[in-house]
Amino acid sequence: MSPRQTTPVQLSDSDVPASRVRCVHDQPPRADRSVVLYWMIAARRTHWNFALQRAVDWCRTLRKPLVVLEPLRCDYRWASDRLHRFVIEGMADNAKRLDRNGVTYFPYIEPSRGADAELLKSLAQHAAVVVTDDYPAFFLPGMVAIAARQIDVRFEAVDANGLMPLSAHPKEYLRAVDFRRHLQRDLPDHLVAMPDADPFHRARLPEAWPLPRSMTRRWKPATAAQLTDPTALIRSLPIDHSVGPAVMHGGTNAAVKTLADFLGYKLPRYEDEGNHPDTDVTSNLSHYLHFGHIAPHEVFAALAQQERWNPARLSGKANGRREGWWGMGVAAESFLDQLITWRELGFNMCSHRRDYARYSSLPDWAIATLAKHSKDRREHVYTLEEFAAAATHDPVWNACQRQLLQEGRMHNYLRMLWGKKILEWTSTPQVALRIMIELNNRYAVDGRDPNSYSGIFWVLGRYDRPWAPERPIFGRIRYMSSANTSRKLRMRQYMERYGA
């Protein structure tokens, strides 16, 4: 039985599947209160959002206006100009969209540590129902658990993370092929229940509810000007100012443009050229998916439309193979394996194991082989600071790190090499894990994500198998080298851009 199995819900007039709704605080709605509150913490978007759709359904049933509270704390680990600006750019998109639909929007950017401590509790005292996002990683599960002790009405967490609900995963899957079989067997039933592209279409919500002045005096909402140009605001916050803004802009508008660019120009070359840094035909959607600025459902729907696909083209064979199941083109199926299989495999891990970010979560064979070689001689050993500064002896690795430093992203294939070299150049695999997590979560816009942890732990053997020959330091862990990578991939332009 899944640890996220849902309890019966009390809203019959809703198209949101019950499998996606988890009752955090099982109380009846309070008809005597003023609003329905959506606490937006992970699916930071107004389209293709099961949680927002659920809140709108409650508004229709209870005939209450909707309030959307989208907070941004300043005390989360790795808080920086880079991450704050990306989120705030998404808030600017949400503000315009919600205003057009007569929804009360409360974008709160915490000015000092702990300033938002009572905000949710205060706002929830006006709520008939509270809805939030059900996200299985980083500090969000703990934050929702604390909130449940402060909210005295029905409190629901809605899963909008992937095409397969988290509650539909019966167990933790240790191999991608096994998870693929599970998806191929059970996912078709869930493809018929997609979120509304526009949750407000024909919603006819009651008139917007004015926020009490006593509340906005204590917790000042971000202004339209601050959301449009947050430079001065960000500079005033107690966050890491040494990590500057990313090269990409945040928000749903930017995400949709990125998706259109990928489908229109990059997808035809994705299968043959996706691993080559010079061509850069990867989707660049991971950071938008991480912050919820775009839904995987929207990405899938756009791809399916372009491929002129319908469910009748599914092969019906749950054999775990990467190709041929969807009945789409080779490039489309290759991309879907990343978007669905590998991305949702990470969510499966995080929803079943609290220790997903700990060394102890590695497979037994990986822990054993790394322990056997933990005292092997290392030709190079670097500190966290040297890694962060791209100050190793290896020009390829340094180029990867510079891209991460400068842009907040790294080419997908090179991210694997980047991690393998950290394992090779640290005193122990445990130290390597700490450094990978620190660098990735501090600098990568898509860090702190289930899929991001999958990539880091894959370096150490998660979702992989023992490899021969057994090598120093790596043992039976898969080995990668910069020399082989440079020979296999087209990297000349990449090295010119991010090299010395």
Protein backbone atom coordinates (compact mmCIF):
# COMPACT_ATOMS: atom_id res chain seq x y z
CA MET A 1 0.00 0.00 0.00
CA SER A 2 1.35 3.42 -0.93
CA PRO A 3 2.17 5.70 2.03
CA ARG A 4 0.37 8.47 0.15
CA GLN A 5 -2.92 6.59 -0.24
CA THR A 6 -5.73 9.12 -0.09
CA THR A 7 -8.67 9.33 2.28
CA PRO A 8 -12.23 9.73 0.94
CA VAL A 9 -12.93 13.26 -0.25
CA GLN A 10 -16.04 15.33 0.40
CA LEU A 11 -16.42 17.10 -2.92
CA SER A 12 -18.53 15.27 -5.47
CA ASP A 13 -18.64 18.01 -8.11
CA SER A 14 -14.96 17.84 -9.06
CA ASP A 15 -13.04 16.54 -12.06
CA VAL A 16 -9.85 16.22 -10.02
CA PRO A 17 -9.23 12.48 -9.51
CA ALA A 18 -9.56 11.34 -5.90
CA SER A 19 -6.21 9.57 -6.31
CA ARG A 20 -4.56 13.00 -6.43
CA VAL A 21 -6.21 14.46 -3.32
CA ARG A 22 -4.69 13.77 0.10
CA CYS A 23 -6.63 14.97 3.12
CA VAL A 24 -4.07 16.51 5.48
CA HIS A 25 -6.64 17.69 8.03
CA ASP A 26 -9.92 15.81 7.79
CA GLN A 27 -12.49 18.37 8.88
CA PRO A 28 -15.70 19.49 7.18
CA PRO A 29 -15.69 22.76 5.22
CA ARG A 30 -16.71 25.84 7.21
CA ALA A 31 -19.66 27.36 5.34
CA ASP A 32 -19.67 30.34 7.73
CA ARG A 33 -16.25 31.52 6.51
CA SER A 34 -15.50 33.85 3.64
CA VAL A 35 -13.15 32.25 1.10
CA VAL A 36 -11.48 29.18 -0.34
CA LEU A 37 -7.71 29.47 0.14
CA TYR A 38 -5.16 27.99 -2.25
CA TRP A 39 -1.70 27.97 -0.70
CA MET A 40 0.50 27.80 -3.82
CA ILE A 41 3.90 26.36 -2.87
CA ALA A 42 4.99 23.99 -5.67
CA ALA A 43 2.69 24.14 -8.73
CA ARG A 44 3.35 27.85 -9.22
CA ARG A 45 1.13 28.28 -12.26
CA THR A 46 -2.44 29.11 -13.26
CA HIS A 47 -2.79 26.59 -16.09
CA TRP A 48 -2.88 22.78 -16.09
CA ASN A 49 -2.87 22.72 -12.29
CA PHE A 50 -4.88 20.07 -10.45
CA ALA A 51 -4.49 21.90 -7.11
CA LEU A 52 -5.81 25.19 -8.45
CA GLN A 53 -8.57 23.30 -10.23
CA ARG A 54 -9.54 21.63 -6.95
CA ALA A 55 -9.69 25.01 -5.20
CA VAL A 56 -11.90 26.40 -7.98
CA ASP A 57 -14.18 23.38 -7.63
CA TRP A 58 -14.56 24.13 -3.93
CA CYS A 59 -15.36 27.76 -4.78
CA ARG A 60 -18.19 26.67 -7.07
CA THR A 61 -19.57 24.20 -4.55
CA LEU A 62 -19.42 26.55 -1.57
CA ARG A 63 -20.06 29.73 -3.59
CA LYS A 64 -17.01 31.38 -2.10
CA PRO A 65 -14.37 33.61 -3.71
CA LEU A 66 -10.85 32.32 -4.21
CA VAL A 67 -7.70 33.63 -2.52
CA VAL A 68 -4.33 32.46 -3.81
CA LEU A 69 -1.44 32.86 -1.37
CA GLU A 70 1.93 32.40 -3.06
CA PRO A 71 4.70 32.92 -0.50
CA LEU A 72 8.45 32.96 -0.97
CA ARG A 73 10.47 32.36 2.17
CA CYS A 74 13.97 33.74 2.62
CA ASP A 75 15.24 31.15 5.12
CA TYR A 76 15.21 28.01 2.98
CA ARG A 77 18.60 26.44 2.41
CA TRP A 78 20.45 27.80 -0.63
CA ALA A 79 18.16 30.84 -0.94
CA SER A 80 19.85 33.20 -3.40
CA ASP A 81 19.30 35.97 -5.92
CA ARG A 82 19.24 33.28 -8.61
CA LEU A 83 16.39 31.24 -7.15
CA HIS A 84 14.43 34.21 -5.80
CA ARG A 85 14.40 36.07 -9.10
CA PHE A 86 13.29 32.98 -10.99
CA VAL A 87 10.35 32.45 -8.62
CA ILE A 88 9.41 36.14 -8.58
CA GLU A 89 9.31 36.26 -12.37
CA GLY A 90 6.76 33.48 -12.15
CA MET A 91 4.79 35.47 -9.58
CA ALA A 92 4.56 38.36 -12.05
CA ASP A 93 2.90 36.06 -14.60
CA ASN A 94 0.52 34.68 -11.96
CA ALA A 95 -0.46 38.16 -10.77
CA LYS A 96 -1.60 39.23 -14.24
CA ARG A 97 -3.46 36.01 -14.91
CA LEU A 98 -5.28 35.91 -11.56
CA ASP A 99 -6.21 39.57 -11.74
CA ARG A 100 -7.87 39.01 -15.11
CA ASN A 101 -10.01 36.30 -13.52
CA GLY A 102 -11.10 38.28 -10.49
CA VAL A 103 -9.07 36.24 -8.01
CA THR A 104 -7.51 37.74 -4.90
CA TYR A 105 -3.78 37.13 -5.21
CA PHE A 106 -1.44 37.50 -2.24
CA PRO A 107 2.21 37.32 -3.41
CA TYR A 108 4.23 37.46 -0.21
CA ILE A 109 8.02 37.75 -0.36
CA GLU A 110 9.33 37.28 3.15
CA PRO A 111 11.54 40.29 4.09
CA SER A 112 13.26 38.65 7.07
CA ARG A 113 13.61 35.18 8.53
CA GLY A 114 10.44 34.02 10.24
CA ALA A 115 8.36 37.01 9.10
CA ASP A 116 5.69 34.79 7.54
CA ALA A 117 5.31 32.54 10.60
CA GLU A 118 1.66 33.41 11.29
CA LEU A 119 0.55 34.46 7.81
CA LEU A 120 -0.99 31.18 6.67
CA LYS A 121 -2.68 30.61 10.02
CA SER A 122 -4.14 34.12 9.98
CA LEU A 123 -5.42 33.83 6.43
CA ALA A 124 -6.78 30.31 7.01
CA GLN A 125 -9.04 31.68 9.76
CA HIS A 126 -11.11 33.21 6.95
CA ALA A 127 -11.11 30.02 4.86
CA ALA A 128 -13.87 27.46 4.46
CA VAL A 129 -11.33 25.07 2.89
CA VAL A 130 -7.56 25.23 2.39
CA VAL A 131 -5.91 23.55 -0.62
CA THR A 132 -2.18 23.25 -1.22
CA ASP A 133 0.32 21.39 -3.42
CA ASP A 134 1.44 17.87 -2.53
CA TYR A 135 5.18 17.80 -3.28
CA PRO A 136 7.37 15.02 -1.85
CA ALA A 137 10.80 16.66 -1.59
CA PHE A 138 12.96 19.38 -0.03
CA PHE A 139 11.39 21.21 2.92
CA LEU A 140 7.83 21.24 1.57
CA PRO A 141 6.50 18.03 3.22
CA GLY A 142 7.63 19.27 6.63
CA MET A 143 6.16 22.71 5.99
CA VAL A 144 2.77 21.19 5.12
CA ALA A 145 2.87 18.99 8.22
CA ILE A 146 3.50 22.03 10.43
CA ALA A 147 0.72 23.94 8.68
CA ALA A 148 -1.72 21.10 9.40
CA ARG A 149 -1.35 21.80 13.12
CA GLN A 150 -2.32 25.44 12.57
CA ILE A 151 -5.32 25.00 10.29
CA ASP A 152 -8.69 24.16 11.83
CA VAL A 153 -10.67 23.45 8.63
CA ARG A 154 -10.51 20.92 5.85
CA PHE A 155 -6.98 20.97 4.48
CA GLU A 156 -6.17 19.12 1.25
CA ALA A 157 -2.87 18.55 -0.55
CA VAL A 158 -3.24 17.92 -4.28
CA ASP A 159 -0.69 16.05 -6.38
CA ALA A 160 -0.01 17.78 -9.72
CA ASN A 161 3.54 16.45 -10.04
CA GLY A 162 3.34 13.97 -12.89
CA LEU A 163 1.15 12.07 -15.32
CA MET A 164 0.90 9.21 -12.82
CA PRO A 165 -0.44 10.12 -9.34
CA LEU A 166 2.02 9.40 -6.53
CA SER A 167 -0.65 7.37 -4.75
CA ALA A 168 -0.78 4.99 -7.73
CA HIS A 169 2.79 3.77 -7.14
CA PRO A 170 2.47 0.63 -4.99
CA LYS A 171 6.14 0.53 -4.05
CA GLU A 172 9.59 2.01 -4.52
CA TYR A 173 11.09 1.05 -7.87
CA LEU A 174 14.83 0.40 -8.01
CA ARG A 175 15.27 0.12 -11.78
CA ALA A 176 13.96 2.23 -14.63
CA VAL A 177 12.89 -0.85 -16.59
CA ASP A 178 10.65 -2.01 -13.73
CA PHE A 179 9.17 1.43 -13.36
CA ARG A 180 8.56 1.54 -17.11
CA ARG A 181 6.61 -1.71 -16.90
CA HIS A 182 4.51 -0.21 -14.13
CA LEU A 183 3.83 2.90 -16.21
CA GLN A 184 3.07 0.95 -19.35
CA ARG A 185 0.59 -1.19 -17.44
CA ASP A 186 -1.19 1.50 -15.39
CA LEU A 187 -0.56 4.93 -16.93
CA PRO A 188 -3.21 4.68 -19.70
CA ASP A 189 -5.97 4.81 -17.08
CA HIS A 190 -4.61 8.13 -15.83
CA LEU A 191 -4.13 9.76 -19.22
CA VAL A 192 -7.90 10.21 -19.51
CA ALA A 193 -7.90 12.47 -16.43
CA MET A 194 -5.82 15.46 -17.46
CA PRO A 195 -6.01 18.79 -15.59
CA ASP A 196 -7.98 21.62 -17.15
CA ALA A 197 -5.83 23.79 -19.37
CA ASP A 198 -7.77 26.75 -17.95
CA PRO A 199 -9.23 26.09 -14.48
CA PHE A 200 -11.17 29.38 -14.67
CA HIS A 201 -13.01 28.60 -17.90
CA ARG A 202 -16.71 29.13 -17.16
CA ALA A 203 -15.97 29.03 -13.43
CA ARG A 204 -18.07 32.13 -12.61
CA LEU A 205 -16.37 32.75 -9.29
CA PRO A 206 -17.92 35.14 -6.76
CA GLU A 207 -16.56 38.67 -6.55
CA ALA A 208 -12.98 38.95 -5.33
CA TRP A 209 -12.51 39.11 -1.57
CA PRO A 210 -10.57 42.14 -0.25
CA LEU A 211 -7.65 41.26 1.98
CA PRO A 212 -8.08 42.74 5.50
CA ARG A 213 -5.97 45.85 6.05
CA SER A 214 -4.75 44.51 9.38
CA MET A 215 -3.26 41.60 7.46
CA THR A 216 -1.67 43.55 4.62
CA ARG A 217 -0.15 46.04 7.08
CA ARG A 218 1.63 43.23 8.90
CA TRP A 219 2.41 41.15 5.82
CA LYS A 220 2.81 43.47 2.86
CA PRO A 221 2.03 41.85 -0.51
CA ALA A 222 4.61 42.40 -3.22
CA THR A 223 3.57 45.23 -5.50
CA ALA A 224 3.18 44.96 -9.26
CA ALA A 225 6.29 47.12 -9.66
CA GLN A 226 8.32 44.83 -7.39
CA LEU A 227 7.25 41.75 -9.29
CA THR A 228 8.04 43.37 -12.64
CA ASP A 229 11.49 44.54 -11.53
CA PRO A 230 12.50 42.80 -8.29
CA THR A 231 16.15 43.93 -8.33
CA ALA A 232 15.95 46.35 -5.41
CA LEU A 233 13.69 44.06 -3.40
CA ILE A 234 15.99 41.07 -3.84
CA ARG A 235 19.00 43.16 -2.86
CA SER A 236 17.32 43.98 0.47
CA LEU A 237 16.69 40.34 1.45
CA PRO A 238 18.88 38.21 3.78
CA ILE A 239 19.78 35.66 1.08
CA ASP A 240 22.94 34.65 -0.78
CA HIS A 241 23.75 37.54 -3.11
CA SER A 242 26.89 35.88 -4.48
CA VAL A 243 24.80 33.59 -6.70
CA GLY A 244 23.47 35.91 -9.38
CA PRO A 245 20.41 35.50 -11.62
CA ALA A 246 20.26 32.65 -14.09
CA VAL A 247 20.53 33.11 -17.82
CA MET A 248 16.92 31.98 -18.31
CA HIS A 249 13.86 33.89 -17.09
CA GLY A 250 11.27 32.29 -14.84
CA GLY A 251 7.51 32.13 -15.22
CA THR A 252 4.88 30.36 -17.27
CA ASN A 253 5.24 32.68 -20.25
CA ALA A 254 8.94 31.89 -20.58
CA ALA A 255 8.25 28.20 -20.04
CA VAL A 256 5.66 28.04 -22.81
CA LYS A 257 8.02 29.81 -25.22
CA THR A 258 10.78 27.36 -24.32
CA LEU A 259 8.46 24.43 -24.96
CA ALA A 260 7.42 25.85 -28.34
CA ASP A 261 11.07 26.34 -29.30
CA PHE A 262 11.89 22.77 -28.35
CA LEU A 263 8.99 21.20 -30.21
CA GLY A 264 9.39 23.40 -33.26
CA TYR A 265 13.15 23.38 -33.75
CA LYS A 266 14.93 20.94 -31.45
CA LEU A 267 12.79 17.82 -31.21
CA PRO A 268 13.54 16.57 -34.76
CA ARG A 269 17.24 16.50 -33.81
CA TYR A 270 16.76 15.33 -30.20
CA GLU A 271 17.42 11.61 -30.70
CA ASP A 272 20.57 11.98 -32.81
CA GLU A 273 22.08 15.14 -31.32
CA GLY A 274 20.70 15.42 -27.78
CA ASN A 275 23.95 14.28 -26.14
CA HIS A 276 26.18 16.74 -28.01
CA PRO A 277 26.85 19.96 -26.06
CA ASP A 278 27.59 21.96 -29.22
CA THR A 279 24.11 21.43 -30.67
CA ASP A 280 22.23 22.04 -27.37
CA VAL A 281 18.92 20.53 -28.51
CA THR A 282 17.79 19.51 -25.02
CA SER A 283 14.40 20.85 -23.91
CA ASN A 284 15.69 23.22 -21.17
CA LEU A 285 12.39 22.64 -19.34
CA SER A 286 13.70 21.10 -16.11
CA HIS A 287 13.87 24.37 -14.16
CA TYR A 288 10.33 25.32 -15.20
CA LEU A 289 9.07 21.88 -14.20
CA HIS A 290 10.89 22.14 -10.88
CA PHE A 291 9.25 25.41 -9.85
CA GLY A 292 5.91 24.40 -11.31
CA HIS A 293 5.88 27.13 -13.95
CA ILE A 294 4.79 24.54 -16.49
CA ALA A 295 3.00 21.22 -15.99
CA PRO A 296 4.27 17.90 -17.37
CA HIS A 297 0.69 17.43 -18.57
CA GLU A 298 0.94 20.54 -20.73
CA VAL A 299 4.26 19.41 -22.16
CA PHE A 300 2.83 15.98 -22.93
CA ALA A 301 -0.35 17.42 -24.47
CA ALA A 302 1.62 19.75 -26.75
CA LEU A 303 3.88 16.93 -27.88
CA ALA A 304 0.93 14.58 -28.46
CA GLN A 305 -0.81 17.23 -30.54
CA GLN A 306 2.28 17.79 -32.65
CA GLU A 307 2.63 14.02 -33.16
CA ARG A 308 -1.09 13.74 -33.95
CA TRP A 309 -1.23 11.07 -31.29
CA ASN A 310 -4.17 9.37 -29.61
CA PRO A 311 -4.31 6.58 -26.99
CA ALA A 312 -5.27 4.02 -29.63
CA ARG A 313 -1.63 4.09 -30.77
CA LEU A 314 -0.33 2.65 -27.47
CA SER A 315 1.25 -0.74 -28.05
CA GLY A 316 -0.39 -2.35 -25.03
CA LYS A 317 2.78 -4.30 -24.19
CA ALA A 318 4.13 -3.67 -20.69
CA ASN A 319 7.62 -4.96 -21.46
CA GLY A 320 9.62 -2.03 -20.06
CA ARG A 321 11.21 -1.15 -23.40
CA ARG A 322 12.06 2.50 -24.02
CA GLU A 323 10.92 2.58 -27.63
CA GLY A 324 7.71 1.63 -29.34
CA TRP A 325 5.20 1.77 -26.50
CA TRP A 326 3.75 5.21 -27.16
CA GLY A 327 3.34 4.85 -30.90
CA MET A 328 5.08 8.18 -31.53
CA GLY A 329 8.20 9.11 -33.44
CA VAL A 330 11.61 7.98 -32.18
CA ALA A 331 12.61 11.46 -30.96
CA ALA A 332 9.28 11.99 -29.21
CA GLU A 333 9.51 8.65 -27.40
CA SER A 334 13.09 9.37 -26.37
CA PHE A 335 12.01 12.67 -24.87
CA LEU A 336 9.00 11.09 -23.13
CA ASP A 337 11.31 8.60 -21.46
CA GLN A 338 13.06 11.55 -19.81
CA LEU A 339 9.90 13.54 -19.07
CA ILE A 340 7.89 10.65 -17.66
CA THR A 341 9.98 7.58 -16.82
CA TRP A 342 13.08 9.19 -15.36
CA ARG A 343 11.40 12.27 -13.92
CA GLU A 344 8.59 10.38 -12.22
CA LEU A 345 10.96 7.65 -11.03
CA GLY A 346 12.57 10.33 -8.88
CA PHE A 347 9.20 11.36 -7.48
CA ASN A 348 8.48 7.70 -6.74
CA MET A 349 11.66 7.50 -4.64
CA CYS A 350 10.97 10.70 -2.71
CA SER A 351 7.36 9.74 -1.98
CA HIS A 352 8.36 6.35 -0.55
CA ARG A 353 11.61 7.12 1.28
CA ARG A 354 12.40 9.94 3.65
CA ASP A 355 16.10 9.19 3.30
CA TYR A 356 16.11 9.79 -0.47
CA ALA A 357 18.92 12.36 -0.07
CA ARG A 358 21.09 10.24 2.24
CA TYR A 359 23.95 7.95 1.38
CA SER A 360 22.16 5.06 3.11
CA SER A 361 19.48 5.06 0.40
CA LEU A 362 21.92 3.68 -2.20
CA PRO A 363 21.56 0.04 -3.30
CA ASP A 364 23.38 -2.45 -1.09
CA TRP A 365 25.74 -3.48 -3.90
CA ALA A 366 26.77 0.16 -4.48
CA ILE A 367 27.43 0.80 -0.80
CA ALA A 368 29.48 -2.40 -0.61
CA THR A 369 31.66 -1.73 -3.66
CA LEU A 370 32.28 1.90 -2.70
CA ALA A 371 33.21 0.84 0.85
CA LYS A 372 35.66 -1.72 -0.52
CA HIS A 373 37.46 1.02 -2.46
CA SER A 374 36.98 3.94 -0.06
CA LYS A 375 40.67 3.96 0.90
CA ASP A 376 42.03 3.67 -2.62
CA ARG A 377 44.64 6.26 -3.53
CA ARG A 378 43.21 9.38 -5.21
CA GLU A 379 45.50 11.12 -7.66
CA HIS A 380 43.60 14.38 -7.11
CA VAL A 381 41.56 15.49 -4.10
CA TYR A 382 39.76 18.83 -4.20
CA THR A 383 37.86 20.81 -1.60
CA LEU A 384 34.33 22.10 -1.99
CA GLU A 385 35.71 25.58 -2.58
CA GLU A 386 38.02 24.38 -5.35
CA PHE A 387 35.19 22.53 -7.04
CA ALA A 388 32.88 25.53 -6.74
CA ALA A 389 35.50 27.79 -8.33
CA ALA A 390 36.04 25.38 -11.26
CA ALA A 391 39.67 25.10 -10.15
CA THR A 392 40.50 21.48 -11.01
CA HIS A 393 43.15 20.15 -13.39
CA ASP A 394 40.48 19.03 -15.89
CA PRO A 395 39.40 21.61 -18.52
CA VAL A 396 36.23 19.69 -19.41
CA TRP A 397 35.07 19.46 -15.81
CA ASN A 398 35.89 23.12 -15.23
CA ALA A 399 33.82 24.07 -18.28
CA CYS A 400 30.84 22.14 -16.91
CA GLN A 401 31.12 23.91 -13.58
CA ARG A 402 31.47 27.31 -15.23
CA GLN A 403 28.26 26.77 -17.14
CA LEU A 404 26.56 25.91 -13.86
CA LEU A 405 28.03 28.99 -12.16
CA GLN A 406 27.19 31.38 -14.96
CA GLU A 407 23.85 30.10 -16.20
CA GLY A 408 22.29 28.01 -13.45
CA ARG A 409 22.15 24.92 -15.67
CA MET A 410 24.40 22.28 -17.17
CA HIS A 411 24.14 20.16 -20.30
CA ASN A 412 22.35 16.91 -19.43
CA TYR A 413 25.04 14.48 -20.56
CA LEU A 414 27.87 16.47 -19.03
CA ARG A 415 26.07 16.53 -15.69
CA MET A 416 26.77 12.79 -15.44
CA LEU A 417 30.48 13.28 -16.12
CA TRP A 418 30.55 16.19 -13.66
CA GLY A 419 29.30 13.92 -10.88
CA LYS A 420 31.56 10.98 -11.74
CA LYS A 421 34.66 13.16 -11.51
CA ILE A 422 33.60 14.52 -8.11
CA LEU A 423 33.40 10.91 -6.91
CA GLU A 424 36.89 10.29 -8.27
CA TRP A 425 38.43 13.44 -6.79
CA THR A 426 37.14 13.39 -3.21
CA SER A 427 38.44 11.54 -0.18
CA THR A 428 35.34 9.36 0.29
CA PRO A 429 32.09 8.71 -1.58
CA GLN A 430 30.20 10.28 1.30
CA VAL A 431 32.15 13.51 0.84
CA ALA A 432 31.50 13.30 -2.91
CA LEU A 433 27.75 13.07 -2.25
CA ARG A 434 27.79 16.11 0.03
CA ILE A 435 29.71 18.16 -2.52
CA MET A 436 27.46 17.15 -5.42
CA ILE A 437 24.35 18.08 -3.45
CA GLU A 438 25.83 21.38 -2.30
CA LEU A 439 27.00 22.51 -5.74
CA ASN A 440 23.89 21.33 -7.56
CA ASN A 441 21.40 22.73 -5.07
CA ARG A 442 23.19 26.03 -4.67
CA TYR A 443 23.78 26.86 -8.33
CA ALA A 444 21.33 24.83 -10.45
CA VAL A 445 17.90 26.37 -10.87
CA ASP A 446 16.45 22.86 -11.09
CA GLY A 447 18.28 21.64 -7.97
CA ARG A 448 16.47 20.41 -4.82
CA ASP A 449 14.16 18.41 -7.09
CA PRO A 450 13.39 14.65 -7.01
CA ASN A 451 14.75 14.32 -10.53
CA SER A 452 17.86 16.24 -9.55
CA TYR A 453 18.52 13.83 -6.66
CA SER A 454 18.05 10.93 -9.08
CA GLY A 455 20.88 12.29 -11.22
CA ILE A 456 23.19 12.81 -8.26
CA PHE A 457 22.57 9.37 -6.78
CA TRP A 458 22.82 7.70 -10.20
CA VAL A 459 26.48 8.74 -10.12
CA LEU A 460 26.83 6.48 -7.05
CA GLY A 461 24.82 3.55 -8.41
CA ARG A 462 21.14 4.28 -7.86
CA TYR A 463 19.01 2.89 -10.72
CA ASP A 464 22.15 1.35 -12.22
CA ARG A 465 23.82 -2.08 -12.07
CA PRO A 466 27.31 -3.36 -11.23
CA TRP A 467 29.77 -2.81 -14.07
CA ALA A 468 32.97 -4.60 -15.06
CA PRO A 469 35.86 -4.29 -14.86
CA GLU A 470 36.21 -3.39 -11.19
CA ARG A 471 38.21 -0.16 -10.95
CA PRO A 472 40.07 1.76 -8.25
CA ILE A 473 37.84 4.20 -6.33
CA PHE A 474 34.74 3.29 -8.39
CA GLY A 475 34.72 -0.42 -7.75
CA ARG A 476 31.77 -1.78 -9.75
CA ILE A 477 30.19 1.69 -10.16
CA ARG A 478 29.89 2.85 -13.78
CA TYR A 479 32.97 4.82 -14.83
CA MET A 480 33.20 7.89 -17.08
CA SER A 481 36.22 9.88 -18.22
CA SER A 482 36.64 13.34 -19.69
CA ALA A 483 38.86 11.97 -22.47
CA ASN A 484 36.24 9.48 -23.65
CA THR A 485 33.50 12.07 -23.36
CA SER A 486 35.47 14.54 -25.49
CA ARG A 487 36.05 11.88 -28.14
CA LYS A 488 32.40 10.81 -28.27
CA LEU A 489 30.74 14.22 -28.22
CA ARG A 490 30.91 17.38 -30.28
CA MET A 491 32.24 19.88 -27.74
CA ARG A 492 34.51 22.36 -29.52
CA GLN A 493 32.06 25.27 -29.34
CA TYR A 494 31.11 24.32 -25.80
CA MET A 495 34.74 24.43 -24.68
CA GLU A 496 35.28 27.76 -26.45
CA ARG A 497 32.34 29.21 -24.57
CA TYR A 498 32.96 27.79 -21.10
CA GLY A 499 36.66 26.97 -21.22
CA ALA A 500 39.49 28.90 -19.65
